[in-house]
Amino acid sequence: MARNKTLKTTLATAFSVLALAAWRAPAAHAAAYHTLHGNPAGAYRIDPNHSVAWFTIGHAGVAVVVGRFDTLSGHYTFDPAKPARDQVAIHIHAASIDTGFPMRDHDLRGPDFLNVREFPNITFTSTRYQPTGRMTGRLYGRLTLHGVTRPVVFRIREIGAGPVTMLPKPWGGYLSGYEASTTIARSAFGVDAYPGMIANTVHLHVNIEGVRTSR
């Protein structure tokens, strides 16, 4: 009887070791994450599911509030050999603002701030791109916010580019990605409510992933 108990224990241990090895095997052979360094040249459609526009702004003189816009679309072209031809157009649904606090979001959509009923869209259209390095540059253009259009300059950094076969359509294919940032004064766009409580300086950020539609 003792021998049977010992045999059962030995078999149980063996099966446990085999199961653990099988569980660990895929991880051991999984490819490590790495940045793609393909040629980013081409025309792209912005993937709204892997892109986001977000901002930070000072609150009450003691903290920083972070918000984002959940709905954006657009397209861009990029040619490292001919940067003068590069073009970017981004469209943001103003009512998609989300700061994680529904009451505040309701106020931000209202007439004191974005007034989304009258001005439902936030848009950016580029006018020129100036490279500052192999993967960096300045993107000049016009930002329309709250019905007011002003010139802005985004600092651009290319993240990567190349074929991504793991993702199905409409996300996969030949992709490229960028991050952009700039700073604006909200009062320049007619959004000047509660100046003693909310900072005038707004830091804007855009993280873009695009699917190449043509070369």
N, C-alpha and C. Protein backbone atom coordinates (compact mmCIF):
# COMPACT_ATOMS: atom_id res chain seq x y z
N MET A 1 0.82 -1.20 0.00
CA MET A 1 0.00 0.00 0.00
C MET A 1 0.87 1.26 0.00
N ALA A 2 1.99 1.17 0.78
CA ALA A 2 2.92 2.29 0.83
C ALA A 2 3.56 2.51 -0.52
N ARG A 3 3.85 1.34 -1.22
CA ARG A 3 4.45 1.46 -2.56
C ARG A 3 3.51 2.15 -3.53
N ASN A 4 2.19 1.82 -3.44
CA ASN A 4 1.20 2.48 -4.32
C ASN A 4 1.13 3.98 -4.06
N LYS A 5 1.21 4.33 -2.77
CA LYS A 5 1.15 5.75 -2.41
C LYS A 5 2.37 6.49 -2.94
N THR A 6 3.54 5.82 -2.83
CA THR A 6 4.78 6.43 -3.35
C THR A 6 4.73 6.58 -4.86
N LEU A 7 4.19 5.57 -5.56
CA LEU A 7 4.06 5.62 -7.00
C LEU A 7 3.15 6.74 -7.44
N LYS A 8 2.01 6.90 -6.74
CA LYS A 8 1.07 7.97 -7.06
C LYS A 8 1.71 9.33 -6.87
N THR A 9 2.50 9.46 -5.79
CA THR A 9 3.16 10.75 -5.52
C THR A 9 4.18 11.06 -6.61
N THR A 10 4.93 10.03 -7.01
CA THR A 10 5.94 10.22 -8.05
C THR A 10 5.31 10.62 -9.37
N LEU A 11 4.19 9.95 -9.75
CA LEU A 11 3.50 10.26 -11.00
C LEU A 11 2.92 11.68 -10.96
N ALA A 12 2.36 12.03 -9.81
CA ALA A 12 1.78 13.38 -9.68
C ALA A 12 2.86 14.44 -9.84
N THR A 13 4.01 14.20 -9.25
CA THR A 13 5.12 15.15 -9.37
C THR A 13 5.59 15.27 -10.82
N ALA A 14 5.67 14.13 -11.51
CA ALA A 14 6.11 14.13 -12.90
C ALA A 14 5.15 14.91 -13.78
N PHE A 15 3.85 14.66 -13.58
CA PHE A 15 2.86 15.39 -14.38
C PHE A 15 2.91 16.89 -14.10
N SER A 16 3.16 17.27 -12.86
CA SER A 16 3.25 18.69 -12.50
C SER A 16 4.42 19.35 -13.20
N VAL A 17 5.56 18.64 -13.23
CA VAL A 17 6.75 19.17 -13.90
C VAL A 17 6.50 19.34 -15.40
N LEU A 18 5.85 18.33 -16.01
CA LEU A 18 5.56 18.40 -17.44
C LEU A 18 4.59 19.54 -17.76
N ALA A 19 3.57 19.70 -16.91
CA ALA A 19 2.59 20.77 -17.13
C ALA A 19 3.25 22.13 -17.01
N LEU A 20 4.15 22.28 -16.02
CA LEU A 20 4.84 23.55 -15.84
C LEU A 20 5.73 23.85 -17.04
N ALA A 21 6.42 22.83 -17.53
CA ALA A 21 7.29 23.01 -18.69
C ALA A 21 6.49 23.41 -19.92
N ALA A 22 5.32 22.78 -20.10
CA ALA A 22 4.47 23.11 -21.25
C ALA A 22 3.94 24.52 -21.15
N TRP A 23 3.64 24.97 -19.93
CA TRP A 23 3.11 26.32 -19.74
C TRP A 23 4.18 27.38 -20.01
N ARG A 24 5.41 27.05 -19.63
CA ARG A 24 6.50 27.99 -19.80
C ARG A 24 7.07 28.00 -21.22
N ALA A 25 6.87 26.94 -21.96
CA ALA A 25 7.49 26.81 -23.28
C ALA A 25 7.15 27.95 -24.22
N PRO A 26 5.86 28.36 -24.37
CA PRO A 26 5.57 29.45 -25.31
C PRO A 26 6.28 30.74 -24.93
N ALA A 27 6.36 31.02 -23.61
CA ALA A 27 7.00 32.25 -23.17
C ALA A 27 8.49 32.24 -23.53
N ALA A 28 9.10 31.07 -23.41
CA ALA A 28 10.53 30.98 -23.69
C ALA A 28 10.83 31.24 -25.15
N HIS A 29 9.89 30.91 -26.05
CA HIS A 29 10.12 31.06 -27.48
C HIS A 29 9.44 32.31 -28.06
N ALA A 30 8.76 33.08 -27.21
CA ALA A 30 8.07 34.28 -27.70
C ALA A 30 9.09 35.33 -28.13
N ALA A 31 8.77 36.04 -29.20
CA ALA A 31 9.66 37.09 -29.69
C ALA A 31 9.65 38.28 -28.74
N ALA A 32 10.81 38.83 -28.49
CA ALA A 32 10.91 40.00 -27.62
C ALA A 32 10.37 41.23 -28.34
N TYR A 33 9.79 42.15 -27.57
CA TYR A 33 9.28 43.39 -28.16
C TYR A 33 10.45 44.19 -28.72
N HIS A 34 10.26 44.77 -29.90
CA HIS A 34 11.30 45.59 -30.49
C HIS A 34 10.67 46.62 -31.42
N THR A 35 11.35 47.73 -31.60
CA THR A 35 10.89 48.79 -32.49
C THR A 35 11.22 48.45 -33.94
N LEU A 36 10.27 48.69 -34.84
CA LEU A 36 10.50 48.44 -36.26
C LEU A 36 11.16 49.67 -36.90
N HIS A 37 12.11 49.40 -37.78
CA HIS A 37 12.87 50.49 -38.39
C HIS A 37 12.76 50.45 -39.91
N GLY A 38 11.55 50.20 -40.42
CA GLY A 38 11.32 50.19 -41.85
C GLY A 38 11.23 51.61 -42.40
N ASN A 39 11.06 51.70 -43.71
CA ASN A 39 10.92 52.99 -44.38
C ASN A 39 9.50 53.53 -44.15
N PRO A 40 9.35 54.70 -43.51
CA PRO A 40 8.01 55.21 -43.21
C PRO A 40 7.33 55.92 -44.38
N ALA A 41 7.99 56.01 -45.53
CA ALA A 41 7.43 56.76 -46.65
C ALA A 41 6.09 56.17 -47.10
N GLY A 42 5.14 57.06 -47.42
CA GLY A 42 3.85 56.62 -47.93
C GLY A 42 2.71 57.48 -47.42
N ALA A 43 1.51 57.12 -47.86
CA ALA A 43 0.29 57.76 -47.40
C ALA A 43 -0.40 56.83 -46.40
N TYR A 44 -0.91 57.40 -45.31
CA TYR A 44 -1.45 56.60 -44.22
C TYR A 44 -2.83 57.09 -43.79
N ARG A 45 -3.63 56.13 -43.35
CA ARG A 45 -4.90 56.42 -42.67
C ARG A 45 -4.66 56.24 -41.18
N ILE A 46 -5.04 57.24 -40.39
CA ILE A 46 -4.86 57.15 -38.95
C ILE A 46 -5.79 56.08 -38.39
N ASP A 47 -5.23 55.19 -37.60
CA ASP A 47 -6.00 54.13 -36.94
C ASP A 47 -6.56 54.70 -35.64
N PRO A 48 -7.89 54.94 -35.56
CA PRO A 48 -8.46 55.57 -34.36
C PRO A 48 -8.41 54.68 -33.13
N ASN A 49 -8.26 53.37 -33.32
CA ASN A 49 -8.23 52.45 -32.19
C ASN A 49 -6.85 52.37 -31.53
N HIS A 50 -5.82 52.87 -32.21
CA HIS A 50 -4.47 52.84 -31.65
C HIS A 50 -3.85 54.24 -31.65
N SER A 51 -4.71 55.27 -31.63
CA SER A 51 -4.24 56.65 -31.61
C SER A 51 -5.04 57.41 -30.55
N VAL A 52 -4.44 58.47 -30.01
CA VAL A 52 -5.13 59.25 -28.98
C VAL A 52 -4.59 60.67 -28.96
N ALA A 53 -5.49 61.62 -28.72
CA ALA A 53 -5.10 63.01 -28.46
C ALA A 53 -5.38 63.26 -26.98
N TRP A 54 -4.40 63.81 -26.27
CA TRP A 54 -4.58 64.03 -24.84
C TRP A 54 -3.93 65.33 -24.42
N PHE A 55 -4.24 65.78 -23.21
CA PHE A 55 -3.74 67.09 -22.76
C PHE A 55 -3.54 67.07 -21.24
N THR A 56 -2.75 68.02 -20.78
CA THR A 56 -2.60 68.27 -19.35
C THR A 56 -2.79 69.76 -19.12
N ILE A 57 -3.36 70.10 -17.95
CA ILE A 57 -3.61 71.50 -17.62
C ILE A 57 -3.60 71.65 -16.10
N GLY A 58 -3.04 72.77 -15.64
CA GLY A 58 -2.97 73.03 -14.21
C GLY A 58 -4.34 73.27 -13.60
N HIS A 59 -4.53 72.77 -12.37
CA HIS A 59 -5.82 72.89 -11.69
C HIS A 59 -5.63 73.43 -10.28
N ALA A 60 -6.27 74.56 -9.99
CA ALA A 60 -6.34 75.14 -8.65
C ALA A 60 -4.97 75.52 -8.08
N GLY A 61 -3.97 75.58 -8.93
CA GLY A 61 -2.64 75.95 -8.46
C GLY A 61 -1.93 74.88 -7.67
N VAL A 62 -2.50 73.67 -7.64
CA VAL A 62 -1.90 72.62 -6.81
C VAL A 62 -1.70 71.30 -7.54
N ALA A 63 -2.30 71.12 -8.72
CA ALA A 63 -2.26 69.82 -9.38
C ALA A 63 -2.36 69.97 -10.88
N VAL A 64 -2.30 68.84 -11.56
CA VAL A 64 -2.43 68.80 -13.01
C VAL A 64 -3.53 67.81 -13.37
N VAL A 65 -4.46 68.23 -14.21
CA VAL A 65 -5.52 67.36 -14.70
C VAL A 65 -5.12 66.81 -16.07
N VAL A 66 -5.38 65.52 -16.28
CA VAL A 66 -5.09 64.87 -17.55
C VAL A 66 -6.40 64.50 -18.22
N GLY A 67 -6.54 64.81 -19.48
CA GLY A 67 -7.75 64.44 -20.23
C GLY A 67 -7.38 63.94 -21.61
N ARG A 68 -8.35 63.37 -22.28
CA ARG A 68 -8.11 62.87 -23.63
C ARG A 68 -9.39 63.04 -24.46
N PHE A 69 -9.22 62.86 -25.78
CA PHE A 69 -10.35 62.83 -26.69
C PHE A 69 -10.43 61.42 -27.27
N ASP A 70 -11.57 60.79 -27.12
CA ASP A 70 -11.71 59.38 -27.47
C ASP A 70 -12.00 59.12 -28.94
N THR A 71 -12.35 60.16 -29.70
CA THR A 71 -12.70 59.96 -31.10
C THR A 71 -11.88 60.89 -31.98
N LEU A 72 -11.02 60.30 -32.80
CA LEU A 72 -10.26 61.09 -33.76
C LEU A 72 -10.04 60.28 -35.03
N SER A 73 -9.77 60.99 -36.09
CA SER A 73 -9.53 60.36 -37.39
C SER A 73 -8.62 61.27 -38.19
N GLY A 74 -8.22 60.80 -39.35
CA GLY A 74 -7.39 61.64 -40.20
C GLY A 74 -6.47 60.84 -41.10
N HIS A 75 -5.53 61.53 -41.69
CA HIS A 75 -4.58 60.89 -42.60
C HIS A 75 -3.30 61.71 -42.64
N TYR A 76 -2.23 61.10 -43.14
CA TYR A 76 -0.97 61.82 -43.29
C TYR A 76 -0.14 61.17 -44.38
N THR A 77 0.75 61.96 -44.94
CA THR A 77 1.74 61.45 -45.89
C THR A 77 3.12 61.80 -45.36
N PHE A 78 4.07 60.93 -45.62
CA PHE A 78 5.42 61.17 -45.12
C PHE A 78 6.43 60.63 -46.12
N ASP A 79 7.42 61.48 -46.47
CA ASP A 79 8.49 61.08 -47.37
C ASP A 79 9.79 61.68 -46.84
N PRO A 80 10.62 60.86 -46.19
CA PRO A 80 11.87 61.39 -45.62
C PRO A 80 12.75 62.09 -46.66
N ALA A 81 12.64 61.69 -47.92
CA ALA A 81 13.47 62.29 -48.97
C ALA A 81 12.91 63.62 -49.46
N LYS A 82 11.60 63.85 -49.25
CA LYS A 82 10.96 65.09 -49.71
C LYS A 82 10.00 65.61 -48.64
N PRO A 83 10.54 66.09 -47.52
CA PRO A 83 9.69 66.53 -46.41
C PRO A 83 8.74 67.67 -46.76
N ALA A 84 9.06 68.45 -47.79
CA ALA A 84 8.19 69.55 -48.18
C ALA A 84 6.82 69.06 -48.64
N ARG A 85 6.74 67.78 -49.03
CA ARG A 85 5.47 67.22 -49.50
C ARG A 85 4.63 66.61 -48.37
N ASP A 86 5.20 66.52 -47.20
CA ASP A 86 4.48 65.88 -46.09
C ASP A 86 3.23 66.66 -45.71
N GLN A 87 2.16 65.93 -45.44
CA GLN A 87 0.88 66.54 -45.07
C GLN A 87 0.23 65.75 -43.95
N VAL A 88 -0.43 66.48 -43.05
CA VAL A 88 -1.15 65.86 -41.94
C VAL A 88 -2.49 66.55 -41.77
N ALA A 89 -3.54 65.76 -41.58
CA ALA A 89 -4.86 66.30 -41.28
C ALA A 89 -5.49 65.44 -40.20
N ILE A 90 -5.87 66.07 -39.08
CA ILE A 90 -6.45 65.34 -37.95
C ILE A 90 -7.79 65.98 -37.60
N HIS A 91 -8.77 65.13 -37.35
CA HIS A 91 -10.12 65.57 -36.99
C HIS A 91 -10.48 64.94 -35.65
N ILE A 92 -10.88 65.78 -34.68
CA ILE A 92 -11.22 65.31 -33.33
C ILE A 92 -12.66 65.71 -33.02
N HIS A 93 -13.41 64.76 -32.49
CA HIS A 93 -14.78 65.02 -32.05
C HIS A 93 -14.72 65.63 -30.66
N ALA A 94 -15.04 66.93 -30.54
CA ALA A 94 -14.85 67.65 -29.29
C ALA A 94 -15.64 67.04 -28.13
N ALA A 95 -16.82 66.52 -28.43
CA ALA A 95 -17.67 65.96 -27.37
C ALA A 95 -17.12 64.66 -26.79
N SER A 96 -16.06 64.12 -27.41
CA SER A 96 -15.49 62.87 -26.90
C SER A 96 -14.48 63.11 -25.79
N ILE A 97 -14.40 64.35 -25.28
CA ILE A 97 -13.47 64.66 -24.20
C ILE A 97 -13.77 63.79 -22.98
N ASP A 98 -12.72 63.33 -22.34
CA ASP A 98 -12.86 62.42 -21.20
C ASP A 98 -11.74 62.68 -20.21
N THR A 99 -12.11 63.20 -19.02
CA THR A 99 -11.13 63.43 -17.96
C THR A 99 -11.32 62.47 -16.80
N GLY A 100 -12.22 61.48 -16.98
CA GLY A 100 -12.46 60.52 -15.92
C GLY A 100 -13.41 61.01 -14.84
N PHE A 101 -14.05 62.16 -15.05
CA PHE A 101 -14.98 62.75 -14.08
C PHE A 101 -16.18 63.28 -14.86
N PRO A 102 -17.28 62.52 -14.93
CA PRO A 102 -18.42 62.90 -15.78
C PRO A 102 -18.94 64.31 -15.55
N MET A 103 -18.99 64.76 -14.30
CA MET A 103 -19.50 66.10 -14.03
C MET A 103 -18.60 67.16 -14.67
N ARG A 104 -17.30 66.96 -14.56
CA ARG A 104 -16.36 67.91 -15.17
C ARG A 104 -16.45 67.84 -16.70
N ASP A 105 -16.57 66.64 -17.24
CA ASP A 105 -16.67 66.49 -18.69
C ASP A 105 -17.90 67.21 -19.23
N HIS A 106 -18.99 67.14 -18.47
CA HIS A 106 -20.23 67.84 -18.87
C HIS A 106 -19.97 69.34 -18.95
N ASP A 107 -19.25 69.88 -17.95
CA ASP A 107 -18.94 71.32 -17.96
C ASP A 107 -18.01 71.68 -19.11
N LEU A 108 -17.03 70.81 -19.38
CA LEU A 108 -16.07 71.09 -20.45
C LEU A 108 -16.73 71.08 -21.82
N ARG A 109 -17.80 70.33 -21.97
CA ARG A 109 -18.54 70.32 -23.24
C ARG A 109 -19.46 71.53 -23.38
N GLY A 110 -19.69 72.22 -22.27
CA GLY A 110 -20.66 73.31 -22.24
C GLY A 110 -20.12 74.63 -22.76
N PRO A 111 -20.95 75.70 -22.70
CA PRO A 111 -20.62 76.99 -23.29
C PRO A 111 -19.44 77.70 -22.64
N ASP A 112 -19.11 77.38 -21.40
CA ASP A 112 -17.97 78.04 -20.75
C ASP A 112 -16.63 77.56 -21.28
N PHE A 113 -16.63 76.40 -21.93
CA PHE A 113 -15.37 75.83 -22.38
C PHE A 113 -15.43 75.48 -23.88
N LEU A 114 -15.56 74.21 -24.23
CA LEU A 114 -15.50 73.84 -25.65
C LEU A 114 -16.75 74.19 -26.44
N ASN A 115 -17.88 74.29 -25.76
CA ASN A 115 -19.15 74.62 -26.43
C ASN A 115 -19.36 73.72 -27.66
N VAL A 116 -19.44 72.42 -27.40
CA VAL A 116 -19.43 71.44 -28.49
C VAL A 116 -20.67 71.51 -29.38
N ARG A 117 -21.76 72.06 -28.89
CA ARG A 117 -22.94 72.19 -29.75
C ARG A 117 -22.67 73.15 -30.89
N GLU A 118 -21.99 74.23 -30.60
CA GLU A 118 -21.70 75.21 -31.63
C GLU A 118 -20.42 74.89 -32.39
N PHE A 119 -19.45 74.26 -31.69
CA PHE A 119 -18.16 73.96 -32.30
C PHE A 119 -17.84 72.47 -32.08
N PRO A 120 -18.47 71.60 -32.84
CA PRO A 120 -18.34 70.15 -32.59
C PRO A 120 -16.99 69.55 -32.96
N ASN A 121 -16.17 70.28 -33.74
CA ASN A 121 -14.94 69.68 -34.25
C ASN A 121 -13.70 70.46 -33.84
N ILE A 122 -12.64 69.72 -33.57
CA ILE A 122 -11.30 70.28 -33.38
C ILE A 122 -10.46 69.71 -34.52
N THR A 123 -9.80 70.57 -35.26
CA THR A 123 -9.05 70.09 -36.42
C THR A 123 -7.63 70.66 -36.43
N PHE A 124 -6.76 69.90 -37.05
CA PHE A 124 -5.40 70.38 -37.31
C PHE A 124 -5.05 70.06 -38.75
N THR A 125 -4.55 71.06 -39.46
CA THR A 125 -4.10 70.87 -40.84
C THR A 125 -2.70 71.42 -40.96
N SER A 126 -1.78 70.59 -41.43
CA SER A 126 -0.38 71.02 -41.51
C SER A 126 -0.15 71.96 -42.69
N THR A 127 0.89 72.79 -42.56
CA THR A 127 1.32 73.66 -43.65
C THR A 127 2.72 73.31 -44.13
N ARG A 128 3.58 72.80 -43.24
CA ARG A 128 4.91 72.34 -43.65
C ARG A 128 5.54 71.54 -42.53
N TYR A 129 6.52 70.73 -42.92
CA TYR A 129 7.26 69.92 -41.96
C TYR A 129 8.74 70.22 -42.10
N GLN A 130 9.41 70.45 -40.97
CA GLN A 130 10.83 70.76 -40.97
C GLN A 130 11.58 69.71 -40.16
N PRO A 131 12.36 68.85 -40.79
CA PRO A 131 13.13 67.85 -40.03
C PRO A 131 14.17 68.52 -39.13
N THR A 132 14.36 67.96 -37.94
CA THR A 132 15.41 68.42 -37.04
C THR A 132 16.41 67.30 -36.75
N GLY A 133 16.13 66.12 -37.25
CA GLY A 133 16.98 64.95 -37.06
C GLY A 133 16.44 63.83 -37.92
N ARG A 134 17.08 62.66 -37.82
CA ARG A 134 16.64 61.54 -38.67
C ARG A 134 15.21 61.11 -38.34
N MET A 135 14.80 61.23 -37.08
CA MET A 135 13.46 60.78 -36.68
C MET A 135 12.71 61.85 -35.89
N THR A 136 13.12 63.10 -36.02
CA THR A 136 12.45 64.19 -35.30
C THR A 136 12.22 65.37 -36.24
N GLY A 137 11.30 66.25 -35.85
CA GLY A 137 11.05 67.42 -36.66
C GLY A 137 10.03 68.34 -36.03
N ARG A 138 9.74 69.41 -36.73
CA ARG A 138 8.70 70.36 -36.31
C ARG A 138 7.62 70.38 -37.39
N LEU A 139 6.39 70.22 -36.94
CA LEU A 139 5.25 70.22 -37.86
C LEU A 139 4.47 71.51 -37.65
N TYR A 140 4.45 72.35 -38.66
CA TYR A 140 3.74 73.63 -38.61
C TYR A 140 2.35 73.45 -39.21
N GLY A 141 1.38 74.14 -38.62
CA GLY A 141 0.04 74.03 -39.15
C GLY A 141 -0.95 74.93 -38.45
N ARG A 142 -2.23 74.71 -38.73
CA ARG A 142 -3.31 75.51 -38.17
C ARG A 142 -4.22 74.63 -37.32
N LEU A 143 -4.39 75.04 -36.08
CA LEU A 143 -5.28 74.34 -35.16
C LEU A 143 -6.56 75.14 -35.02
N THR A 144 -7.69 74.47 -35.23
CA THR A 144 -8.99 75.11 -35.05
C THR A 144 -9.65 74.50 -33.82
N LEU A 145 -9.92 75.35 -32.84
CA LEU A 145 -10.49 74.94 -31.56
C LEU A 145 -11.48 75.99 -31.11
N HIS A 146 -12.68 75.57 -30.71
CA HIS A 146 -13.69 76.53 -30.25
C HIS A 146 -14.00 77.56 -31.33
N GLY A 147 -13.90 77.12 -32.59
CA GLY A 147 -14.23 77.99 -33.71
C GLY A 147 -13.16 79.00 -34.06
N VAL A 148 -12.00 78.93 -33.40
CA VAL A 148 -10.91 79.87 -33.65
C VAL A 148 -9.73 79.11 -34.24
N THR A 149 -9.12 79.67 -35.26
CA THR A 149 -7.97 79.03 -35.90
C THR A 149 -6.71 79.83 -35.61
N ARG A 150 -5.68 79.11 -35.13
CA ARG A 150 -4.40 79.74 -34.79
C ARG A 150 -3.26 78.86 -35.30
N PRO A 151 -2.13 79.48 -35.64
CA PRO A 151 -0.96 78.68 -36.03
C PRO A 151 -0.34 78.01 -34.79
N VAL A 152 0.10 76.77 -34.96
CA VAL A 152 0.78 76.04 -33.89
C VAL A 152 1.94 75.26 -34.51
N VAL A 153 2.87 74.87 -33.65
CA VAL A 153 4.01 74.06 -34.09
C VAL A 153 4.12 72.85 -33.16
N PHE A 154 4.02 71.66 -33.74
CA PHE A 154 4.16 70.43 -32.98
C PHE A 154 5.59 69.91 -33.08
N ARG A 155 6.13 69.45 -31.97
CA ARG A 155 7.39 68.73 -31.98
C ARG A 155 7.08 67.26 -32.27
N ILE A 156 7.74 66.70 -33.28
CA ILE A 156 7.41 65.37 -33.78
C ILE A 156 8.57 64.40 -33.53
N ARG A 157 8.21 63.19 -33.14
CA ARG A 157 9.20 62.11 -33.05
C ARG A 157 8.62 60.85 -33.68
N GLU A 158 9.34 60.30 -34.64
CA GLU A 158 8.92 59.03 -35.23
C GLU A 158 9.22 57.90 -34.25
N ILE A 159 8.25 57.03 -34.03
CA ILE A 159 8.44 55.89 -33.13
C ILE A 159 8.98 54.69 -33.90
N GLY A 160 8.33 54.34 -35.00
CA GLY A 160 8.78 53.19 -35.78
C GLY A 160 7.90 53.01 -37.01
N ALA A 161 8.32 52.09 -37.87
CA ALA A 161 7.57 51.79 -39.09
C ALA A 161 7.96 50.41 -39.59
N GLY A 162 6.99 49.74 -40.22
CA GLY A 162 7.28 48.43 -40.78
C GLY A 162 6.05 47.56 -40.89
N PRO A 163 6.19 46.37 -41.45
CA PRO A 163 5.05 45.46 -41.61
C PRO A 163 4.67 44.81 -40.29
N VAL A 164 3.39 44.84 -39.97
CA VAL A 164 2.88 44.22 -38.74
C VAL A 164 1.85 43.17 -39.15
N THR A 165 2.27 41.93 -39.14
CA THR A 165 1.42 40.84 -39.63
C THR A 165 0.55 40.23 -38.54
N MET A 166 0.84 40.55 -37.27
CA MET A 166 0.07 39.94 -36.18
C MET A 166 -1.34 40.48 -36.07
N LEU A 167 -1.55 41.70 -36.57
CA LEU A 167 -2.86 42.34 -36.46
C LEU A 167 -3.68 42.11 -37.72
N PRO A 168 -4.96 41.75 -37.57
CA PRO A 168 -5.82 41.60 -38.76
C PRO A 168 -6.27 42.96 -39.27
N LYS A 169 -6.83 42.99 -40.46
CA LYS A 169 -7.43 44.22 -40.97
C LYS A 169 -8.63 44.58 -40.11
N PRO A 170 -8.92 45.87 -39.89
CA PRO A 170 -8.31 47.03 -40.54
C PRO A 170 -7.09 47.59 -39.82
N TRP A 171 -6.53 46.87 -38.82
CA TRP A 171 -5.43 47.42 -38.03
C TRP A 171 -4.06 47.04 -38.58
N GLY A 172 -3.93 45.83 -39.08
CA GLY A 172 -2.62 45.36 -39.51
C GLY A 172 -2.20 45.88 -40.87
N GLY A 173 -0.99 45.49 -41.28
CA GLY A 173 -0.45 45.90 -42.56
C GLY A 173 0.87 46.60 -42.35
N TYR A 174 1.18 47.53 -43.22
CA TYR A 174 2.40 48.32 -43.06
C TYR A 174 2.03 49.55 -42.23
N LEU A 175 2.61 49.68 -41.05
CA LEU A 175 2.23 50.71 -40.10
C LEU A 175 3.39 51.66 -39.82
N SER A 176 3.05 52.84 -39.35
CA SER A 176 4.05 53.76 -38.81
C SER A 176 3.41 54.51 -37.66
N GLY A 177 4.25 55.02 -36.75
CA GLY A 177 3.71 55.70 -35.58
C GLY A 177 4.56 56.88 -35.17
N TYR A 178 3.88 57.88 -34.60
CA TYR A 178 4.54 59.13 -34.21
C TYR A 178 3.94 59.64 -32.91
N GLU A 179 4.72 60.46 -32.21
CA GLU A 179 4.19 61.22 -31.10
C GLU A 179 4.48 62.69 -31.35
N ALA A 180 3.52 63.54 -30.97
CA ALA A 180 3.64 64.97 -31.22
C ALA A 180 3.20 65.73 -29.98
N SER A 181 3.78 66.89 -29.75
CA SER A 181 3.39 67.69 -28.59
C SER A 181 3.56 69.17 -28.90
N THR A 182 2.75 69.97 -28.25
CA THR A 182 2.84 71.42 -28.37
C THR A 182 2.18 72.04 -27.15
N THR A 183 2.30 73.34 -27.04
CA THR A 183 1.69 74.08 -25.93
C THR A 183 0.90 75.24 -26.50
N ILE A 184 -0.31 75.43 -25.99
CA ILE A 184 -1.15 76.55 -26.44
C ILE A 184 -1.67 77.31 -25.23
N ALA A 185 -2.12 78.53 -25.48
CA ALA A 185 -2.85 79.31 -24.49
C ALA A 185 -4.33 79.19 -24.81
N ARG A 186 -5.10 78.66 -23.90
CA ARG A 186 -6.52 78.43 -24.19
C ARG A 186 -7.25 79.74 -24.46
N SER A 187 -6.79 80.84 -23.83
CA SER A 187 -7.45 82.13 -24.04
C SER A 187 -7.30 82.60 -25.49
N ALA A 188 -6.26 82.16 -26.17
CA ALA A 188 -6.07 82.54 -27.58
C ALA A 188 -7.14 81.94 -28.47
N PHE A 189 -7.82 80.90 -27.96
CA PHE A 189 -8.89 80.27 -28.71
C PHE A 189 -10.27 80.62 -28.13
N GLY A 190 -10.32 81.64 -27.29
CA GLY A 190 -11.58 82.09 -26.73
C GLY A 190 -12.11 81.24 -25.59
N VAL A 191 -11.26 80.39 -25.01
CA VAL A 191 -11.67 79.56 -23.87
C VAL A 191 -10.96 80.13 -22.64
N ASP A 192 -11.62 81.08 -21.97
CA ASP A 192 -10.95 81.81 -20.91
C ASP A 192 -11.70 81.79 -19.57
N ALA A 193 -12.62 80.85 -19.39
CA ALA A 193 -13.39 80.79 -18.15
C ALA A 193 -12.52 80.37 -16.97
N TYR A 194 -12.84 80.91 -15.80
CA TYR A 194 -12.21 80.55 -14.52
C TYR A 194 -10.68 80.66 -14.58
N PRO A 195 -10.16 81.82 -14.91
CA PRO A 195 -8.69 81.97 -15.02
C PRO A 195 -7.96 81.79 -13.68
N GLY A 196 -8.62 82.06 -12.58
CA GLY A 196 -7.98 81.90 -11.28
C GLY A 196 -7.94 80.46 -10.80
N MET A 197 -8.74 79.61 -11.40
CA MET A 197 -8.83 78.22 -10.98
C MET A 197 -8.15 77.26 -11.96
N ILE A 198 -8.17 77.61 -13.24
CA ILE A 198 -7.64 76.73 -14.28
C ILE A 198 -6.56 77.46 -15.05
N ALA A 199 -5.42 76.81 -15.26
CA ALA A 199 -4.30 77.43 -15.95
C ALA A 199 -4.66 77.81 -17.38
N ASN A 200 -3.97 78.82 -17.88
CA ASN A 200 -4.19 79.23 -19.27
C ASN A 200 -3.38 78.36 -20.23
N THR A 201 -2.26 77.83 -19.75
CA THR A 201 -1.39 77.01 -20.59
C THR A 201 -1.90 75.57 -20.65
N VAL A 202 -2.04 75.06 -21.87
CA VAL A 202 -2.49 73.68 -22.08
C VAL A 202 -1.40 72.96 -22.88
N HIS A 203 -0.99 71.80 -22.37
CA HIS A 203 0.00 70.98 -23.07
C HIS A 203 -0.75 69.91 -23.86
N LEU A 204 -0.60 69.95 -25.18
CA LEU A 204 -1.29 69.02 -26.06
C LEU A 204 -0.35 67.93 -26.55
N HIS A 205 -0.86 66.71 -26.60
CA HIS A 205 -0.08 65.57 -27.06
C HIS A 205 -0.94 64.72 -28.01
N VAL A 206 -0.32 64.19 -29.04
CA VAL A 206 -1.02 63.30 -29.97
C VAL A 206 -0.12 62.10 -30.23
N ASN A 207 -0.66 60.92 -30.01
CA ASN A 207 0.05 59.68 -30.34
C ASN A 207 -0.70 59.02 -31.50
N ILE A 208 0.00 58.85 -32.61
CA ILE A 208 -0.63 58.42 -33.84
C ILE A 208 -0.05 57.08 -34.31
N GLU A 209 -0.94 56.19 -34.72
CA GLU A 209 -0.54 54.98 -35.44
C GLU A 209 -1.33 54.96 -36.74
N GLY A 210 -0.62 54.80 -37.84
CA GLY A 210 -1.29 54.84 -39.15
C GLY A 210 -1.08 53.59 -39.95
N VAL A 211 -2.06 53.27 -40.80
CA VAL A 211 -2.00 52.13 -41.71
C VAL A 211 -1.71 52.65 -43.10
N ARG A 212 -0.64 52.17 -43.71
CA ARG A 212 -0.27 52.69 -45.03
C ARG A 212 -1.28 52.26 -46.09
N THR A 213 -1.75 53.24 -46.86
CA THR A 213 -2.73 52.99 -47.92
C THR A 213 -2.10 53.03 -49.30
N SER A 214 -0.97 53.69 -49.43
CA SER A 214 -0.24 53.71 -50.71
C SER A 214 1.19 54.16 -50.45
N ARG A 215 2.08 53.84 -51.38
CA ARG A 215 3.48 54.20 -51.24
C ARG A 215 3.81 55.42 -52.06
